[in-house]
Amino acid sequence: MKRHLIGIGGVGMSALATALVRLGEEVTGADRNLSTPNIAFLQSLGVKCFPDDGSGIDPSTGEVIVSTAIEMDNPGLLRAKELGIPVTHRAKALARALSGRRLVAVVGTCGKSTVTAMLGHVLAECGLDPFCVNGANVPGWEGAVRFGRGALAVAEVDESDRSLVAFSPYAAIVTNASADHYSKEEMDEVFDAFVKSCDGPVVDGRAVYGEADVSALGRHNRNNAFLALEMAKALGCDEARARAALMTFKGVERRLQPHGSNVFDDYAHNPEKLRAMWTTLAERYEGGLCVVWRPHGYAPLRKMMDALAEMFNATIRPQDRLLLLPVYDAGGTTDRSINSDALAAKVARCELVRDHDDAFRWISSHAGGFSAFATCGARDPELPVLAERIRNVSRHAR
């Protein structure tokens, strides 16, 4: 059966596409942007990718797979309805793909991608050869997928649309719970119900707290490593071997990913993640930190406005500066009545910049005043490109 994924260039959908290809499925897809690295990788696997205009769907398509982000008037969805082709949510499709293995699900508000990658790496180093599907690309994997042939699967499971109910995991890690897509109380309820369905071990970061040595920077990553270590032990891994594996962990793309010696790129997009990123770098770079941040959506910015302002004002030091880009606009019918200028008015030591080029010009003029730089935010594929541009400027400024 040919399966067609709408929005296939997104990291979650591209990971599912990769997993399906490795499981022997025929896959096609569509996306608004066909010039991203994820699309290029999928095309190298033989996946045909089409514009997001419905043209990739025909009577030979057996199933259309979507995420919650796909709007009901999407041309592909309309074409599927016209042809009577069944439509499946990404979570259900992923759960089905992994159903032949014992699933270890990683859930939580923050740290899911890193913990998933850490656990997958540790289990592999301990000889269990897991099949892993992550929410972020991992160095040494096929994008966000590790195709293992063992009995275990490890997957990042998203809580943002409550689609985690599609999964029936054997074991689970809960990294933490805080207000993001929902209130903390709602998140706790969702995670409590989820872990009750597990027959195997549960490692709950809301109840157990610890640190383990790991190659990745930051206290938050030592917390992440502890959760991965505890689950690895519960699954039968030798503790000494698991601890050694954490020290060879190569990180996750866009999770404090270094570009040279003093430029970093990070996926941070909510107050907790931004605080963890900023404080981790501030501990290493006392001479000043310049961060370019792009909010990933209008609704999240509106919801988190006060929490973001409070966090930035408590975290940004006198020697630091925040460069604030406009909200990343992914199209659709969202309410655009609020933008980054509303947040900038609430934050000290903040500069509004119009676009990536404007941010680059500002940094080029002030590079000598900072000892480190970071780009951060979800969804925008040009942020890592900006980090590389800053890398060249920072190298010449020193």
Protein backbone atom coordinates (compact mmCIF):
# COMPACT_ATOMS: atom_id res chain seq x y z
CA MET A 1 0.00 0.00 0.00
CA LYS A 2 1.29 3.45 -0.92
CA ARG A 3 1.15 5.84 2.05
CA HIS A 4 1.19 9.60 1.44
CA LEU A 5 2.34 11.95 4.22
CA ILE A 6 1.20 15.59 4.14
CA GLY A 7 3.77 17.93 5.70
CA ILE A 8 6.46 15.31 5.15
CA GLY A 9 9.32 17.79 5.59
CA GLY A 10 8.60 18.35 9.27
CA VAL A 11 10.86 16.44 11.61
CA GLY A 12 8.06 14.28 13.02
CA MET A 13 6.61 13.38 9.66
CA SER A 14 10.00 12.87 8.00
CA ALA A 15 10.94 10.52 10.85
CA LEU A 16 7.75 8.52 10.31
CA ALA A 17 8.42 8.41 6.57
CA THR A 18 11.95 7.12 7.18
CA ALA A 19 10.68 4.46 9.57
CA LEU A 20 8.04 3.32 7.09
CA VAL A 21 10.59 3.09 4.29
CA ARG A 22 12.91 1.00 6.47
CA LEU A 23 9.96 -1.28 7.27
CA GLY A 24 9.43 -1.86 3.55
CA GLU A 25 6.50 0.50 2.91
CA GLU A 26 6.02 2.57 -0.25
CA VAL A 27 5.93 6.24 0.77
CA THR A 28 5.21 9.54 -0.95
CA GLY A 29 4.68 12.94 0.56
CA ALA A 30 3.90 16.62 0.14
CA ASP A 31 5.20 19.79 1.75
CA ARG A 32 5.02 23.55 1.34
CA ASN A 33 8.81 23.73 1.25
CA LEU A 34 10.63 21.16 -0.89
CA SER A 35 14.11 22.65 -0.44
CA THR A 36 14.90 21.54 3.13
CA PRO A 37 17.55 19.01 4.23
CA ASN A 38 14.83 16.63 5.47
CA ILE A 39 13.23 16.58 2.01
CA ALA A 40 16.60 15.99 0.35
CA PHE A 41 17.27 13.06 2.69
CA LEU A 42 13.88 11.49 2.03
CA GLN A 43 14.39 11.83 -1.70
CA SER A 44 17.71 10.00 -1.30
CA LEU A 45 15.70 7.11 0.17
CA GLY A 46 13.49 7.05 -2.92
CA VAL A 47 10.54 8.96 -1.45
CA LYS A 48 8.75 11.04 -4.08
CA CYS A 49 7.92 14.48 -2.67
CA PHE A 50 5.30 16.79 -4.20
CA PRO A 51 4.12 20.37 -3.66
CA ASP A 52 1.39 20.72 -1.05
CA ASP A 53 -1.33 21.06 -3.68
CA GLY A 54 -2.87 17.59 -3.71
CA SER A 55 -1.01 16.53 -6.85
CA GLY A 56 0.81 13.68 -5.07
CA ILE A 57 -2.43 11.86 -4.27
CA ASP A 58 -4.03 9.62 -6.89
CA PRO A 59 -6.23 6.51 -6.96
CA SER A 60 -3.19 4.31 -6.24
CA THR A 61 -2.71 6.03 -2.85
CA GLY A 62 -3.91 3.69 -0.12
CA GLU A 63 -3.67 5.98 2.90
CA VAL A 64 -3.04 9.65 3.67
CA ILE A 65 -1.24 10.45 6.94
CA VAL A 66 -1.45 13.86 8.61
CA SER A 67 -0.50 15.61 11.83
CA THR A 68 -2.72 17.91 13.86
CA ALA A 69 -0.98 20.88 12.21
CA ILE A 70 -2.62 20.11 8.86
CA GLU A 71 -5.72 22.25 8.38
CA MET A 72 -9.00 20.83 7.13
CA ASP A 73 -8.91 22.81 3.88
CA ASN A 74 -5.49 21.43 2.91
CA PRO A 75 -5.58 20.51 -0.81
CA GLY A 76 -4.26 17.03 -0.08
CA LEU A 77 -6.99 16.35 2.47
CA LEU A 78 -9.63 17.59 0.05
CA ARG A 79 -8.18 15.35 -2.66
CA ALA A 80 -8.20 12.34 -0.32
CA LYS A 81 -11.84 13.01 0.53
CA GLU A 82 -12.70 13.31 -3.16
CA LEU A 83 -11.10 9.93 -3.90
CA GLY A 84 -12.39 8.21 -0.76
CA ILE A 85 -8.89 7.55 0.59
CA PRO A 86 -8.69 6.93 4.37
CA VAL A 87 -6.87 9.56 6.45
CA THR A 88 -4.81 8.54 9.50
CA HIS A 89 -3.19 10.67 12.22
CA ARG A 90 0.60 10.48 12.45
CA ALA A 91 0.51 9.12 16.02
CA LYS A 92 -1.73 6.23 15.04
CA ALA A 93 0.46 5.44 12.03
CA LEU A 94 3.62 5.48 14.15
CA ALA A 95 2.04 3.31 16.85
CA ARG A 96 1.04 0.82 14.17
CA ALA A 97 4.54 0.80 12.66
CA LEU A 98 6.12 0.02 16.06
CA SER A 99 3.48 -2.45 17.20
CA GLY A 100 5.69 -5.49 16.62
CA ARG A 101 8.17 -4.35 19.26
CA ARG A 102 8.08 -3.56 22.98
CA LEU A 103 7.72 0.21 22.95
CA VAL A 104 9.50 2.48 25.41
CA ALA A 105 7.71 5.81 25.07
CA VAL A 106 9.35 9.08 26.11
CA VAL A 107 6.89 11.84 27.06
CA GLY A 108 7.16 15.17 28.88
CA THR A 109 7.11 18.90 28.33
CA CYS A 110 10.88 19.32 27.94
CA GLY A 111 13.79 17.05 27.09
CA LYS A 112 11.93 14.32 25.17
CA SER A 113 14.15 14.36 22.08
CA THR A 114 17.37 14.35 24.08
CA VAL A 115 16.26 11.56 26.42
CA THR A 116 15.02 9.50 23.46
CA ALA A 117 18.38 9.87 21.74
CA MET A 118 20.33 9.14 24.93
CA LEU A 119 18.31 6.02 25.69
CA GLY A 120 18.55 4.78 22.12
CA HIS A 121 22.32 5.25 22.17
CA VAL A 122 22.74 3.53 25.53
CA LEU A 123 20.57 0.55 24.56
CA ALA A 124 22.50 0.20 21.31
CA GLU A 125 25.86 0.33 23.09
CA CYS A 126 24.56 -2.30 25.51
CA GLY A 127 23.76 -4.65 22.61
CA LEU A 128 19.95 -4.39 22.51
CA ASP A 129 19.81 -2.87 18.97
CA PRO A 130 16.61 -0.79 19.42
CA PHE A 131 14.44 0.68 16.68
CA CYS A 132 14.25 4.41 17.55
CA VAL A 133 12.03 7.18 16.21
CA ASN A 134 12.83 10.61 17.60
CA GLY A 135 11.41 14.11 17.34
CA ALA A 136 14.80 15.54 16.32
CA ASN A 137 17.61 14.45 14.04
CA VAL A 138 20.48 12.64 15.74
CA PRO A 139 24.10 12.48 14.49
CA GLY A 140 24.87 8.96 13.29
CA TRP A 141 21.18 8.06 12.75
CA GLU A 142 19.14 8.27 9.57
CA GLY A 143 17.76 11.68 10.39
CA ALA A 144 15.61 11.04 13.46
CA VAL A 145 15.49 7.26 13.04
CA ARG A 146 17.73 4.44 14.18
CA PHE A 147 16.75 1.24 12.40
CA GLY A 148 17.47 -1.56 14.85
CA ARG A 149 16.35 -5.16 14.68
CA GLY A 150 16.00 -5.82 18.42
CA ALA A 151 12.84 -6.44 20.40
CA LEU A 152 12.69 -2.88 21.79
CA ALA A 153 11.51 0.34 20.17
CA VAL A 154 12.12 3.78 21.64
CA ALA A 155 9.97 6.69 20.49
CA GLU A 156 9.36 10.29 21.43
CA VAL A 157 5.62 10.69 21.93
CA ASP A 158 4.03 14.12 21.62
CA GLU A 159 1.60 15.49 24.20
CA SER A 160 0.80 18.75 22.38
CA ASP A 161 -2.39 17.41 20.79
CA ARG A 162 -2.97 14.53 23.25
CA SER A 163 -2.26 12.06 20.43
CA LEU A 164 -0.17 10.01 22.86
CA VAL A 165 -3.37 8.08 23.60
CA ALA A 166 -2.77 6.27 20.29
CA PHE A 167 0.15 4.38 21.86
CA SER A 168 0.13 1.33 24.13
CA PRO A 169 3.68 1.36 25.49
CA TYR A 170 5.43 -1.40 27.39
CA ALA A 171 7.48 1.14 29.36
CA ALA A 172 7.67 4.92 29.64
CA ILE A 173 9.80 7.85 30.72
CA VAL A 174 8.14 11.08 31.82
CA THR A 175 10.78 13.79 31.66
CA ASN A 176 8.79 16.54 33.45
CA ALA A 177 5.55 18.50 33.25
CA SER A 178 5.07 22.25 32.95
CA ALA A 179 2.68 24.66 31.28
CA ASP A 180 3.21 24.69 27.52
CA HIS A 181 0.40 23.53 25.25
CA TYR A 182 -1.80 23.07 28.34
CA SER A 183 -1.63 23.99 32.00
CA LYS A 184 0.68 22.02 34.28
CA GLU A 185 -2.33 20.42 35.96
CA GLU A 186 -3.68 19.25 32.61
CA MET A 187 -0.25 17.93 31.65
CA ASP A 188 0.02 15.98 34.88
CA GLU A 189 -3.38 14.41 34.28
CA VAL A 190 -2.43 13.39 30.74
CA PHE A 191 0.89 11.86 31.81
CA ASP A 192 -0.62 10.11 34.84
CA ALA A 193 -3.18 8.39 32.64
CA PHE A 194 -0.54 7.49 30.07
CA VAL A 195 1.88 5.75 32.42
CA LYS A 196 -0.90 3.74 34.05
CA SER A 197 -1.25 1.82 30.80
CA CYS A 198 2.34 0.54 30.94
CA ASP A 199 3.01 -3.08 31.90
CA GLY A 200 6.75 -2.53 32.18
CA PRO A 201 8.97 -0.05 34.04
CA VAL A 202 8.16 3.65 34.38
CA VAL A 203 10.77 6.30 35.13
CA ASP A 204 8.96 9.48 36.14
CA GLY A 205 11.06 12.63 36.24
CA ARG A 206 8.32 14.38 38.20
CA ALA A 207 8.89 11.99 41.10
CA VAL A 208 12.54 10.98 40.85
CA TYR A 209 15.36 13.44 40.45
CA GLY A 210 19.02 12.87 39.86
CA GLU A 211 22.01 13.51 37.65
CA ALA A 212 24.32 11.27 35.65
CA ASP A 213 27.56 12.17 33.91
CA VAL A 214 27.13 12.69 30.18
CA SER A 215 29.04 14.21 27.31
CA ALA A 216 26.36 16.88 26.67
CA LEU A 217 26.53 20.34 28.25
CA GLY A 218 24.35 21.54 31.08
CA ARG A 219 22.72 20.43 34.28
CA HIS A 220 19.46 19.77 32.43
CA ASN A 221 21.32 17.22 30.30
CA ARG A 222 22.71 15.54 33.38
CA ASN A 223 19.08 15.24 34.54
CA ASN A 224 18.13 13.83 31.12
CA ALA A 225 21.00 11.34 31.33
CA PHE A 226 19.81 10.16 34.73
CA LEU A 227 16.37 9.32 33.32
CA ALA A 228 17.88 7.44 30.38
CA LEU A 229 20.24 5.56 32.71
CA GLU A 230 17.45 4.53 35.07
CA MET A 231 15.37 3.16 32.20
CA ALA A 232 18.34 1.36 30.67
CA LYS A 233 18.99 -0.36 34.00
CA ALA A 234 15.31 -1.27 34.33
CA LEU A 235 15.47 -2.86 30.88
CA GLY A 236 18.40 -5.05 31.91
CA CYS A 237 21.47 -3.07 30.86
CA ASP A 238 24.66 -3.32 32.89
CA GLU A 239 25.03 -0.05 34.82
CA ALA A 240 28.75 0.41 34.20
CA ARG A 241 28.31 -0.18 30.49
CA ALA A 242 25.35 2.19 30.35
CA ARG A 243 27.26 4.94 32.17
CA ALA A 244 30.18 4.54 29.76
CA ALA A 245 27.78 4.83 26.84
CA LEU A 246 26.49 8.19 28.08
CA MET A 247 30.01 9.56 27.82
CA THR A 248 30.14 8.71 24.10
CA PHE A 249 26.75 10.27 23.34
CA LYS A 250 27.10 12.62 20.35
CA GLY A 251 24.14 14.85 21.10
CA VAL A 252 21.04 15.83 19.14
CA GLU A 253 20.78 18.26 16.27
CA ARG A 254 19.58 21.70 17.36
CA ARG A 255 20.00 20.88 21.04
CA LEU A 256 22.87 23.19 22.07
CA GLN A 257 24.52 22.05 18.86
CA PRO A 258 27.91 23.77 18.49
CA HIS A 259 28.86 25.72 15.38
CA GLY A 260 32.52 26.29 16.01
CA SER A 261 33.84 27.04 19.46
CA ASN A 262 31.44 29.72 20.71
CA VAL A 263 28.27 29.63 18.57
CA PHE A 264 25.36 27.31 19.36
CA ASP A 265 21.99 26.45 17.86
CA ASP A 266 19.11 25.23 19.99
CA TYR A 267 15.45 24.27 19.60
CA ALA A 268 14.40 26.12 22.76
CA HIS A 269 10.94 27.61 22.36
CA ASN A 270 9.27 27.79 25.79
CA PRO A 271 10.38 29.49 29.02
CA GLU A 272 11.84 26.35 30.64
CA LYS A 273 13.88 25.37 27.59
CA LEU A 274 15.08 28.91 26.95
CA ARG A 275 16.14 29.31 30.59
CA ALA A 276 18.04 26.01 30.50
CA MET A 277 19.82 27.00 27.29
CA TRP A 278 20.69 30.49 28.51
CA THR A 279 21.92 29.51 31.96
CA THR A 280 23.99 26.63 30.60
CA LEU A 281 25.85 28.96 28.23
CA ALA A 282 26.06 31.77 30.79
CA GLU A 283 27.95 29.45 33.14
CA ARG A 284 30.63 28.97 30.47
CA TYR A 285 30.73 32.47 28.96
CA GLU A 286 30.93 35.22 31.55
CA GLY A 287 31.89 37.82 28.94
CA GLY A 288 28.41 38.14 27.48
CA LEU A 289 25.94 36.10 25.45
CA CYS A 290 24.00 37.28 22.39
CA VAL A 291 20.94 35.14 21.60
CA VAL A 292 18.75 35.34 18.50
CA TRP A 293 15.32 33.87 19.26
CA ARG A 294 12.30 33.33 17.03
CA PRO A 295 8.89 32.48 18.52
CA HIS A 296 7.50 29.47 16.70
CA GLY A 297 3.85 30.46 16.54
CA TYR A 298 1.38 33.26 17.27
CA ALA A 299 -0.81 31.27 19.65
CA PRO A 300 2.13 29.97 21.75
CA LEU A 301 3.57 33.50 22.00
CA ARG A 302 0.23 34.87 23.13
CA LYS A 303 -0.18 32.13 25.72
CA MET A 304 3.38 32.30 27.08
CA MET A 305 3.87 36.08 26.85
CA ASP A 306 4.03 36.89 30.57
CA ALA A 307 6.02 33.77 31.44
CA LEU A 308 8.53 34.53 28.68
CA ALA A 309 8.94 38.13 29.80
CA GLU A 310 9.44 37.09 33.42
CA MET A 311 11.97 34.42 32.44
CA PHE A 312 13.99 36.69 30.13
CA ASN A 313 14.12 39.54 32.65
CA ALA A 314 15.31 37.14 35.36
CA THR A 315 17.85 35.37 33.13
CA ILE A 316 19.43 37.94 30.81
CA ARG A 317 22.52 39.41 32.49
CA PRO A 318 23.68 43.03 32.03
CA GLN A 319 26.34 41.84 29.58
CA ASP A 320 23.87 39.78 27.51
CA ARG A 321 21.52 40.75 24.70
CA LEU A 322 18.40 39.18 23.17
CA LEU A 323 17.70 39.70 19.46
CA LEU A 324 14.04 39.00 18.82
CA LEU A 325 12.85 37.92 15.37
CA PRO A 326 9.22 38.09 14.18
CA VAL A 327 7.04 35.04 14.83
CA TYR A 328 7.68 32.19 12.41
CA ASP A 329 4.71 32.17 10.07
CA ALA A 330 3.86 28.72 8.72
CA GLY A 331 0.79 29.95 6.83
CA GLY A 332 -2.79 28.94 7.44
CA THR A 333 -5.62 30.84 9.11
CA THR A 334 -4.09 31.52 12.52
CA ASP A 335 -4.75 34.75 14.45
CA ARG A 336 -1.85 37.11 13.64
CA SER A 337 -2.94 39.99 15.87
CA ILE A 338 0.11 39.68 18.13
CA ASN A 339 3.81 39.57 17.26
CA SER A 340 7.26 39.81 18.78
CA ASP A 341 7.09 43.56 19.38
CA ALA A 342 4.61 42.94 22.19
CA LEU A 343 7.16 40.77 23.98
CA ALA A 344 10.05 43.12 23.25
CA ALA A 345 8.18 45.91 25.05
CA LYS A 346 8.24 43.81 28.22
CA VAL A 347 11.91 42.70 28.14
CA ALA A 348 15.02 44.69 29.03
CA ARG A 349 18.23 44.32 26.99
CA CYS A 350 16.21 43.23 23.95
CA GLU A 351 16.50 44.33 20.31
CA LEU A 352 13.82 43.75 17.66
CA VAL A 353 15.26 42.61 14.32
CA ARG A 354 13.29 42.36 11.09
CA ASP A 355 14.74 39.15 9.70
CA HIS A 356 17.83 36.92 9.68
CA ASP A 357 19.84 39.41 7.64
CA ASP A 358 19.02 42.20 10.07
CA ALA A 359 20.09 39.99 12.98
CA PHE A 360 23.32 39.16 11.17
CA ARG A 361 24.07 42.83 10.52
CA TRP A 362 23.48 43.70 14.18
CA ILE A 363 25.79 40.92 15.34
CA SER A 364 28.43 41.88 12.76
CA SER A 365 28.48 45.37 14.25
CA HIS A 366 28.61 44.21 17.87
CA ALA A 367 30.43 40.85 17.68
CA GLY A 368 33.39 42.04 19.73
CA GLY A 369 31.15 42.75 22.71
CA PHE A 370 30.16 39.12 23.34
CA SER A 371 32.01 35.92 24.12
CA ALA A 372 29.32 33.56 22.75
CA PHE A 373 26.28 33.52 20.49
CA ALA A 374 23.21 31.33 20.06
CA THR A 375 20.31 30.97 17.68
CA CYS A 376 17.20 29.31 19.00
CA GLY A 377 13.58 28.55 18.25
CA ALA A 378 11.44 25.78 16.82
CA ARG A 379 10.34 25.20 13.21
CA ASP A 380 12.47 27.82 11.41
CA PRO A 381 14.95 25.87 9.20
CA GLU A 382 17.07 28.97 8.60
CA LEU A 383 18.21 29.35 12.21
CA PRO A 384 21.07 26.81 11.88
CA VAL A 385 22.09 28.61 8.67
CA LEU A 386 22.24 31.87 10.61
CA ALA A 387 24.37 30.14 13.26
CA GLU A 388 26.91 29.22 10.58
CA ARG A 389 27.00 32.82 9.35
CA ILE A 390 27.56 34.06 12.91
CA ARG A 391 30.31 31.48 13.35
CA ASN A 392 32.35 33.16 10.62
CA VAL A 393 31.83 36.63 12.10
CA SER A 394 32.66 35.55 15.66
CA ARG A 395 35.85 33.84 14.54
CA HIS A 396 37.17 37.03 12.94
CA ALA A 397 36.00 39.23 15.82
CA ARG A 398 38.22 37.51 18.40
